[in-house]
N, C-alpha and C. Protein backbone atom coordinates (compact mmCIF):
# COMPACT_ATOMS: atom_id res chain seq x y z
N TRP A 1 -80.06 39.56 142.68
CA TRP A 1 -79.10 38.64 142.16
C TRP A 1 -77.85 39.61 141.74
N LEU A 2 -78.29 40.70 141.06
CA LEU A 2 -77.05 41.74 140.58
C LEU A 2 -76.30 42.38 141.99
N LEU A 3 -77.29 42.74 142.86
CA LEU A 3 -76.52 43.35 143.99
C LEU A 3 -75.57 42.21 144.69
N THR A 4 -76.06 40.90 144.67
CA THR A 4 -75.15 39.93 145.46
C THR A 4 -74.04 39.85 144.71
N VAL A 5 -73.99 39.91 143.22
CA VAL A 5 -72.79 39.68 142.62
C VAL A 5 -71.84 40.61 142.59
N MET A 6 -72.44 41.96 142.67
CA MET A 6 -71.63 42.97 142.94
C MET A 6 -70.82 43.08 144.46
N ARG A 7 -71.48 42.60 145.19
CA ARG A 7 -70.81 42.45 146.80
C ARG A 7 -69.80 41.39 146.35
N ASP A 8 -70.18 40.30 145.90
CA ASP A 8 -68.84 39.29 145.83
C ASP A 8 -67.93 39.79 145.00
N ILE A 9 -68.10 40.67 144.04
CA ILE A 9 -66.58 41.01 143.48
C ILE A 9 -66.29 42.38 143.88
N GLU A 10 -66.82 42.75 145.10
CA GLU A 10 -66.36 43.89 146.11
C GLU A 10 -66.61 45.33 145.30
N LEU A 11 -67.78 45.30 144.65
CA LEU A 11 -68.21 46.44 144.13
C LEU A 11 -69.46 47.07 144.88
N VAL A 12 -69.37 48.33 145.23
CA VAL A 12 -70.59 48.86 146.06
C VAL A 12 -71.52 49.35 145.18
N PRO A 13 -72.60 49.12 145.28
CA PRO A 13 -73.87 49.53 144.55
C PRO A 13 -74.13 51.00 145.12
N ASP A 14 -74.31 51.66 143.96
CA ASP A 14 -74.61 53.11 143.95
C ASP A 14 -76.07 53.42 143.90
N MET A 15 -76.44 54.56 143.73
CA MET A 15 -77.84 55.06 143.59
C MET A 15 -78.42 54.72 142.20
N PHE A 16 -77.47 54.65 141.23
CA PHE A 16 -77.91 54.06 139.77
C PHE A 16 -78.32 52.82 139.84
N THR A 17 -77.17 52.03 140.55
CA THR A 17 -77.42 50.58 140.53
C THR A 17 -78.83 50.17 141.07
N TYR A 18 -79.15 50.62 142.26
CA TYR A 18 -80.26 50.57 143.12
C TYR A 18 -81.38 51.09 142.25
N ALA A 19 -81.40 52.09 141.47
CA ALA A 19 -82.37 52.59 140.68
C ALA A 19 -82.74 51.58 139.70
N ALA A 20 -81.82 51.19 138.92
CA ALA A 20 -82.02 50.35 137.73
C ALA A 20 -82.69 48.83 138.42
N THR A 21 -82.21 48.43 139.44
CA THR A 21 -82.81 47.29 140.10
C THR A 21 -84.34 47.40 140.55
N ILE A 22 -84.37 48.50 141.05
CA ILE A 22 -85.82 48.98 141.50
C ILE A 22 -86.83 49.04 140.32
N SER A 23 -86.20 49.76 139.25
CA SER A 23 -86.98 49.86 137.84
C SER A 23 -87.29 48.62 137.30
N ALA A 24 -86.30 47.47 137.36
CA ALA A 24 -86.56 46.13 136.84
C ALA A 24 -87.66 45.47 137.70
N CYS A 25 -87.55 45.52 139.01
CA CYS A 25 -88.48 45.07 139.82
C CYS A 25 -90.03 45.62 139.60
N GLU A 26 -89.89 46.92 139.35
CA GLU A 26 -91.27 47.54 139.01
C GLU A 26 -91.93 46.97 137.56
N GLU A 27 -90.94 46.90 136.75
CA GLU A 27 -91.38 46.29 135.48
C GLU A 27 -91.80 44.86 135.52
N GLY A 28 -91.40 44.13 136.59
CA GLY A 28 -91.72 42.78 136.74
C GLY A 28 -92.78 42.53 137.90
N GLY A 29 -93.27 43.73 138.29
CA GLY A 29 -94.47 43.67 139.45
C GLY A 29 -93.99 43.22 140.81
N GLN A 30 -92.68 43.26 141.19
CA GLN A 30 -92.25 42.89 142.40
C GLN A 30 -92.29 44.08 143.33
N TRP A 31 -93.54 44.43 143.83
CA TRP A 31 -93.74 45.40 144.73
C TRP A 31 -92.87 45.16 146.01
N GLU A 32 -93.17 44.20 146.56
CA GLU A 32 -92.45 43.74 147.96
C GLU A 32 -90.86 43.73 147.67
N GLN A 33 -90.14 43.50 146.64
CA GLN A 33 -88.76 43.52 146.42
C GLN A 33 -88.38 44.92 146.38
N THR A 34 -89.25 45.72 145.72
CA THR A 34 -89.04 47.18 145.62
C THR A 34 -88.96 47.84 146.81
N LEU A 35 -89.75 47.55 147.85
CA LEU A 35 -89.75 48.22 149.25
C LEU A 35 -88.54 47.66 149.88
N PHE A 36 -88.11 46.54 149.67
CA PHE A 36 -86.84 45.57 150.47
C PHE A 36 -85.82 46.49 149.92
N LEU A 37 -85.67 46.70 148.72
CA LEU A 37 -84.45 47.39 148.09
C LEU A 37 -84.26 48.87 148.52
N LEU A 38 -85.40 49.58 148.74
CA LEU A 38 -85.45 50.78 149.23
C LEU A 38 -84.90 50.96 150.66
N ASN A 39 -85.26 49.87 151.32
CA ASN A 39 -84.75 49.88 152.66
C ASN A 39 -83.42 49.51 152.91
N VAL A 40 -82.96 48.66 151.87
CA VAL A 40 -81.32 48.39 151.79
C VAL A 40 -80.73 49.58 151.38
N MET A 41 -81.32 50.28 150.45
CA MET A 41 -80.61 51.55 149.91
C MET A 41 -80.28 52.38 151.26
N GLN A 42 -81.31 52.75 151.92
CA GLN A 42 -81.07 53.54 153.01
C GLN A 42 -80.33 53.22 154.22
N SER A 43 -80.28 51.88 154.32
CA SER A 43 -79.42 51.27 155.56
C SER A 43 -77.84 51.31 155.00
N CYS A 44 -77.67 51.53 153.52
CA CYS A 44 -76.24 51.56 153.10
C CYS A 44 -75.97 53.07 152.89
N THR A 45 -76.91 53.84 153.42
CA THR A 45 -76.69 55.39 153.32
C THR A 45 -76.64 55.82 151.80
N VAL A 46 -77.38 55.07 150.97
CA VAL A 46 -77.54 55.53 149.47
C VAL A 46 -79.11 56.18 149.35
N LEU A 47 -79.15 57.47 149.17
CA LEU A 47 -80.46 58.08 149.14
C LEU A 47 -81.18 57.87 147.97
N PRO A 48 -82.36 57.49 147.94
CA PRO A 48 -83.23 57.40 146.79
C PRO A 48 -83.49 58.56 146.17
N ASP A 49 -83.66 58.76 144.86
CA ASP A 49 -84.17 60.11 144.36
C ASP A 49 -85.50 60.09 143.93
N VAL A 50 -85.96 60.95 143.16
CA VAL A 50 -87.45 61.20 142.90
C VAL A 50 -87.75 59.91 141.89
N ILE A 51 -86.82 59.53 140.93
CA ILE A 51 -87.13 58.50 139.92
C ILE A 51 -87.18 57.27 140.59
N THR A 52 -86.29 56.89 141.66
CA THR A 52 -86.32 55.49 142.46
C THR A 52 -87.62 55.65 143.15
N TYR A 53 -88.07 56.66 143.66
CA TYR A 53 -89.10 56.46 144.43
C TYR A 53 -90.39 56.36 143.50
N SER A 54 -90.35 57.02 142.33
CA SER A 54 -91.53 56.98 141.48
C SER A 54 -91.74 55.44 140.93
N ALA A 55 -90.49 54.79 140.60
CA ALA A 55 -90.45 53.41 140.21
C ALA A 55 -91.23 52.48 141.29
N ALA A 56 -90.69 52.79 142.46
CA ALA A 56 -91.28 51.98 143.82
C ALA A 56 -92.70 52.08 143.88
N ILE A 57 -93.27 53.48 143.63
CA ILE A 57 -94.72 53.76 143.81
C ILE A 57 -95.42 53.03 142.69
N SER A 58 -94.68 53.12 141.44
CA SER A 58 -95.59 52.54 140.32
C SER A 58 -95.53 50.97 140.48
N ALA A 59 -94.39 50.36 141.02
CA ALA A 59 -94.56 48.86 141.43
C ALA A 59 -95.65 48.64 142.33
N CYS A 60 -95.97 49.57 143.34
CA CYS A 60 -97.01 49.59 144.30
C CYS A 60 -98.44 49.44 143.59
N GLU A 61 -98.26 50.36 142.62
CA GLU A 61 -99.73 50.69 141.78
C GLU A 61 -99.86 49.26 140.89
N LYS A 62 -99.01 48.56 140.29
CA LYS A 62 -99.32 47.40 139.77
C LYS A 62 -99.47 46.27 140.42
N GLY A 63 -98.83 46.36 141.80
CA GLY A 63 -99.48 45.33 142.73
C GLY A 63 -100.85 45.66 143.35
N LYS A 64 -101.31 46.63 143.02
CA LYS A 64 -102.58 47.15 143.76
C LYS A 64 -102.43 47.20 145.37
N GLN A 65 -101.46 48.07 145.54
CA GLN A 65 -101.15 48.14 147.05
C GLN A 65 -101.03 50.02 147.15
N TRP A 66 -102.32 50.33 147.14
CA TRP A 66 -102.48 51.84 147.21
C TRP A 66 -101.92 52.60 148.65
N GLN A 67 -102.28 51.76 149.71
CA GLN A 67 -101.62 52.35 150.79
C GLN A 67 -100.16 52.49 150.96
N GLN A 68 -99.52 51.33 150.43
CA GLN A 68 -98.04 51.62 150.19
C GLN A 68 -97.56 52.57 149.39
N ALA A 69 -98.21 52.92 148.33
CA ALA A 69 -97.92 53.85 147.39
C ALA A 69 -98.10 55.40 147.97
N LEU A 70 -99.06 55.39 148.66
CA LEU A 70 -99.35 56.56 149.55
C LEU A 70 -98.32 56.78 150.60
N THR A 71 -97.90 55.73 151.21
CA THR A 71 -96.89 55.78 152.22
C THR A 71 -95.50 55.94 151.65
N LEU A 72 -95.26 55.59 150.51
CA LEU A 72 -93.85 56.09 149.83
C LEU A 72 -94.03 57.49 149.41
N LEU A 73 -95.17 57.85 148.89
CA LEU A 73 -95.36 59.28 148.74
C LEU A 73 -94.92 60.37 149.86
N GLU A 74 -95.46 59.84 150.90
CA GLU A 74 -95.25 60.70 152.23
C GLU A 74 -93.68 60.54 152.64
N THR A 75 -93.25 59.38 152.57
CA THR A 75 -91.90 59.03 152.85
C THR A 75 -90.83 60.05 152.13
N MET A 76 -91.15 59.83 150.97
CA MET A 76 -90.30 60.84 150.02
C MET A 76 -90.07 62.32 150.56
N GLN A 77 -91.39 62.71 150.81
CA GLN A 77 -91.46 64.18 151.29
C GLN A 77 -90.75 64.39 152.55
N GLN A 78 -90.90 63.39 153.50
CA GLN A 78 -90.15 63.31 154.85
C GLN A 78 -88.54 63.30 154.63
N HIS A 79 -88.20 62.72 153.56
CA HIS A 79 -86.71 62.78 153.18
C HIS A 79 -86.44 63.95 152.17
N LEU A 80 -87.22 64.98 152.02
CA LEU A 80 -87.06 65.96 151.40
C LEU A 80 -86.66 65.90 149.83
N VAL A 81 -87.46 64.66 149.58
CA VAL A 81 -87.26 64.60 148.15
C VAL A 81 -88.84 65.00 147.50
N VAL A 82 -88.79 65.88 146.50
CA VAL A 82 -90.03 66.34 146.08
C VAL A 82 -90.56 65.68 144.90
N PRO A 83 -91.76 65.07 145.31
CA PRO A 83 -92.39 64.39 144.23
C PRO A 83 -92.76 65.05 142.86
N ASP A 84 -92.80 64.62 141.81
CA ASP A 84 -93.01 65.19 140.49
C ASP A 84 -94.37 64.50 139.91
N VAL A 85 -94.85 64.87 138.84
CA VAL A 85 -96.22 64.63 138.22
C VAL A 85 -96.04 63.15 138.22
N ILE A 86 -94.98 62.49 137.88
CA ILE A 86 -94.89 60.88 137.67
C ILE A 86 -95.30 60.36 138.76
N ALA A 87 -94.66 60.63 139.94
CA ALA A 87 -94.84 59.91 141.31
C ALA A 87 -96.25 60.18 141.70
N TYR A 88 -96.73 61.51 141.57
CA TYR A 88 -98.08 61.60 141.80
C TYR A 88 -98.99 60.98 141.06
N ALA A 89 -98.75 60.68 139.70
CA ALA A 89 -99.74 60.14 138.90
C ALA A 89 -99.69 58.66 139.20
N ALA A 90 -98.54 58.07 139.51
CA ALA A 90 -98.56 56.59 139.93
C ALA A 90 -99.36 56.34 141.10
N ALA A 91 -99.29 57.19 141.96
CA ALA A 91 -99.86 57.11 143.41
C ALA A 91 -101.36 57.34 143.18
N THR A 92 -101.78 58.10 142.06
CA THR A 92 -103.19 58.40 141.96
C THR A 92 -103.76 57.01 141.17
N SER A 93 -102.91 56.61 140.19
CA SER A 93 -103.27 55.32 139.65
C SER A 93 -103.53 54.10 140.45
N ALA A 94 -102.77 53.95 141.41
CA ALA A 94 -102.62 53.01 142.42
C ALA A 94 -104.20 53.13 143.20
N CYS A 95 -104.36 54.40 143.52
CA CYS A 95 -105.61 54.56 144.34
C CYS A 95 -106.87 54.19 143.26
N GLU A 96 -106.72 54.55 142.00
CA GLU A 96 -107.80 54.19 141.05
C GLU A 96 -108.08 52.55 140.92
N LYS A 97 -106.90 51.91 140.78
CA LYS A 97 -107.13 50.52 140.66
C LYS A 97 -107.73 49.73 141.69
N CYS A 98 -107.64 50.45 143.10
CA CYS A 98 -108.09 49.91 144.08
C CYS A 98 -109.63 50.54 144.62
N LYS A 99 -110.06 51.42 143.69
CA LYS A 99 -111.43 52.07 143.86
C LYS A 99 -111.32 53.07 144.99
N GLN A 100 -110.29 53.72 145.22
CA GLN A 100 -110.07 54.73 146.42
C GLN A 100 -110.33 56.02 145.74
N TRP A 101 -111.33 56.55 145.28
CA TRP A 101 -111.65 57.63 144.59
C TRP A 101 -111.45 58.98 145.56
N ARG A 102 -111.64 59.04 146.74
CA ARG A 102 -111.38 59.91 147.67
C ARG A 102 -109.85 60.20 147.78
N GLU A 103 -109.13 59.12 147.83
CA GLU A 103 -107.58 59.29 147.99
C GLU A 103 -107.11 59.81 146.65
N ALA A 104 -107.81 59.40 145.67
CA ALA A 104 -107.31 59.87 144.21
C ALA A 104 -107.43 61.35 144.01
N LEU A 105 -108.80 61.81 144.41
CA LEU A 105 -109.20 63.36 144.44
C LEU A 105 -108.17 63.96 145.41
N CYS A 106 -107.85 63.59 146.57
CA CYS A 106 -106.92 64.19 147.40
C CYS A 106 -105.48 64.49 146.70
N LEU A 107 -104.90 63.50 146.16
CA LEU A 107 -103.80 63.52 145.42
C LEU A 107 -103.67 64.60 144.25
N LEU A 108 -104.79 64.51 143.69
CA LEU A 108 -104.88 65.73 142.73
C LEU A 108 -104.92 67.17 143.25
N ASP A 109 -105.60 67.29 144.36
CA ASP A 109 -105.48 68.41 145.11
C ASP A 109 -104.06 68.74 145.60
N GLU A 110 -103.63 67.74 146.25
CA GLU A 110 -102.10 67.90 146.71
C GLU A 110 -101.24 68.39 145.60
N MET A 111 -101.35 67.85 144.57
CA MET A 111 -100.53 68.22 143.21
C MET A 111 -100.54 69.67 142.93
N LYS A 112 -101.79 70.21 143.01
CA LYS A 112 -102.00 71.65 142.75
C LYS A 112 -101.49 72.46 143.87
N LYS A 113 -101.56 71.92 145.36
CA LYS A 113 -101.08 72.77 146.28
C LYS A 113 -99.54 72.98 146.28
N HIS A 114 -98.95 71.64 145.57
CA HIS A 114 -97.44 71.82 145.63
C HIS A 114 -96.88 72.39 144.17
N ASP A 115 -97.95 72.92 143.33
CA ASP A 115 -97.64 73.63 142.30
C ASP A 115 -96.88 72.53 141.26
N VAL A 116 -97.66 71.28 141.23
CA VAL A 116 -97.26 70.28 140.22
C VAL A 116 -98.59 70.09 139.31
N LEU A 117 -98.49 70.57 138.10
CA LEU A 117 -99.66 70.50 137.28
C LEU A 117 -99.97 68.84 137.04
N PRO A 118 -101.19 68.47 137.10
CA PRO A 118 -101.46 67.02 136.95
C PRO A 118 -101.51 67.06 135.27
N HIS A 119 -101.25 66.00 134.76
CA HIS A 119 -101.37 65.72 133.40
C HIS A 119 -102.32 64.73 133.10
N GLY A 120 -102.62 64.28 131.99
CA GLY A 120 -103.96 63.67 131.49
C GLY A 120 -104.04 62.16 132.35
N ILE A 121 -102.67 61.53 132.56
CA ILE A 121 -102.79 60.34 133.18
C ILE A 121 -103.10 60.55 134.51
N ALA A 122 -102.91 61.54 135.27
CA ALA A 122 -103.33 61.65 136.75
C ALA A 122 -104.85 61.94 136.57
N TYR A 123 -105.33 63.04 135.75
CA TYR A 123 -106.80 63.17 135.68
C TYR A 123 -107.60 61.93 135.34
N ASN A 124 -107.16 61.19 134.26
CA ASN A 124 -107.75 60.01 133.67
C ASN A 124 -107.71 59.00 135.04
N ALA A 125 -106.76 58.85 135.92
CA ALA A 125 -107.01 57.89 137.08
C ALA A 125 -107.92 58.28 138.04
N GLY A 126 -108.27 59.67 138.21
CA GLY A 126 -109.08 60.28 138.97
C GLY A 126 -110.39 59.97 138.67
N ILE A 127 -110.61 60.39 137.26
CA ILE A 127 -112.02 60.11 136.55
C ILE A 127 -112.16 58.78 136.67
N SER A 128 -111.39 57.67 136.44
CA SER A 128 -111.87 56.37 136.35
C SER A 128 -112.22 55.94 137.92
N ALA A 129 -111.28 56.27 138.94
CA ALA A 129 -111.76 55.96 140.32
C ALA A 129 -113.12 56.46 140.58
N CYS A 130 -113.42 57.53 140.40
CA CYS A 130 -114.89 58.00 140.62
C CYS A 130 -115.87 57.28 139.77
N GLU A 131 -115.34 56.84 138.61
CA GLU A 131 -116.47 55.97 137.52
C GLU A 131 -116.73 54.71 138.36
N LYS A 132 -115.71 54.05 138.92
CA LYS A 132 -115.57 52.75 139.45
C LYS A 132 -116.51 52.69 140.62
N CYS A 133 -116.52 54.07 141.31
CA CYS A 133 -117.37 54.03 142.65
C CYS A 133 -118.62 54.74 142.32
N GLU A 134 -119.18 54.91 141.06
CA GLU A 134 -120.49 55.47 140.86
C GLU A 134 -120.51 57.08 141.24
N GLN A 135 -119.32 57.42 141.25
CA GLN A 135 -119.26 59.11 141.54
C GLN A 135 -119.29 59.89 140.22
N TRP A 136 -120.23 59.76 139.42
CA TRP A 136 -120.21 60.55 138.10
C TRP A 136 -120.16 62.00 138.05
N GLU A 137 -120.81 62.67 139.14
CA GLU A 137 -120.77 64.12 139.05
C GLU A 137 -119.28 64.38 139.36
N ARG A 138 -118.54 63.79 140.17
CA ARG A 138 -117.21 64.19 140.47
C ARG A 138 -116.22 63.92 139.16
N SER A 139 -116.79 62.68 138.50
CA SER A 139 -116.05 62.60 137.16
C SER A 139 -116.09 63.82 136.04
N LEU A 140 -117.38 64.14 136.15
CA LEU A 140 -117.63 65.44 135.35
C LEU A 140 -116.88 66.55 135.93
N GLY A 141 -116.95 66.70 137.04
CA GLY A 141 -116.08 67.91 137.61
C GLY A 141 -114.74 67.74 137.26
N LEU A 142 -113.88 66.64 137.34
CA LEU A 142 -112.50 66.39 137.07
C LEU A 142 -112.48 66.67 135.57
N LEU A 143 -113.46 66.34 134.79
CA LEU A 143 -113.21 66.72 133.23
C LEU A 143 -113.25 67.99 133.05
N LYS A 144 -114.04 68.96 133.71
CA LYS A 144 -114.05 70.49 133.64
C LYS A 144 -112.96 70.99 134.24
N MET A 145 -112.48 70.36 135.32
CA MET A 145 -111.17 70.81 135.81
C MET A 145 -109.85 70.62 134.87
N MET A 146 -109.93 69.50 134.14
CA MET A 146 -108.92 69.21 133.27
C MET A 146 -108.77 70.12 132.22
N GLN A 147 -109.97 70.57 131.72
CA GLN A 147 -110.07 71.44 130.68
C GLN A 147 -109.52 72.96 131.14
N SER A 148 -110.01 73.25 132.23
CA SER A 148 -109.75 74.84 132.88
C SER A 148 -108.11 74.59 133.10
N ASP A 149 -107.49 73.46 133.19
CA ASP A 149 -106.01 73.55 133.36
C ASP A 149 -105.24 73.63 131.92
N GLY A 150 -106.06 73.70 130.97
CA GLY A 150 -105.64 73.47 129.57
C GLY A 150 -105.19 72.37 129.07
N LEU A 151 -105.73 71.26 129.66
CA LEU A 151 -105.32 69.97 129.11
C LEU A 151 -106.71 69.57 128.14
N VAL A 152 -106.37 68.81 127.20
CA VAL A 152 -107.61 68.21 126.37
C VAL A 152 -107.94 66.84 126.58
N PRO A 153 -109.09 66.74 127.27
CA PRO A 153 -109.43 65.33 127.60
C PRO A 153 -109.45 64.38 126.39
N ASP A 154 -108.85 63.08 126.62
CA ASP A 154 -108.69 62.20 125.43
C ASP A 154 -109.78 61.21 125.45
N PHE A 155 -109.63 60.10 124.66
CA PHE A 155 -110.53 59.02 124.54
C PHE A 155 -110.67 58.31 125.96
N ILE A 156 -109.74 58.18 126.74
CA ILE A 156 -109.67 57.29 128.07
C ILE A 156 -110.31 58.37 128.90
N SER A 157 -110.31 59.58 128.87
CA SER A 157 -110.98 60.48 129.65
C SER A 157 -112.59 60.23 129.64
N TYR A 158 -112.87 60.26 128.26
CA TYR A 158 -114.31 60.15 127.99
C TYR A 158 -114.96 58.81 128.33
N SER A 159 -114.11 57.83 128.07
CA SER A 159 -114.58 56.45 128.25
C SER A 159 -114.68 56.03 129.70
N ALA A 160 -113.98 56.81 130.63
CA ALA A 160 -114.26 56.36 132.06
C ALA A 160 -115.44 56.72 132.46
């Protein structure tokens, strides 16, 4: 709606306008609309940044669209946008919600390969994904890895 009004009064949406709209869609769980807006951005030669991609990945997480979340993570790298811990954590959480423990663990490994230190949210998503798929040994391994990375497991880490 906002973008239509802007066009009607001859204002050209910029990256910040799209980012705000995508974030609103993410908050509203509108993952399909988020993907649509990313495509519109690119067709208007407005390049999404890491914040915009992270919001879109988070929308996919909320919509339990783990494959779309991973595709967005890959797309952002193809467009030379470097994923940060928030983008990775959202993608890991999307995998966790859909019981994709292998993919969640791969993302944790990928983070380390790209010198992005996972934080508690990313680890907890990996631990929870393993727990949901009865991979308790891997959950314990992630707890140890979390501690070796200097993070203190919290209530969520232990309750998963």
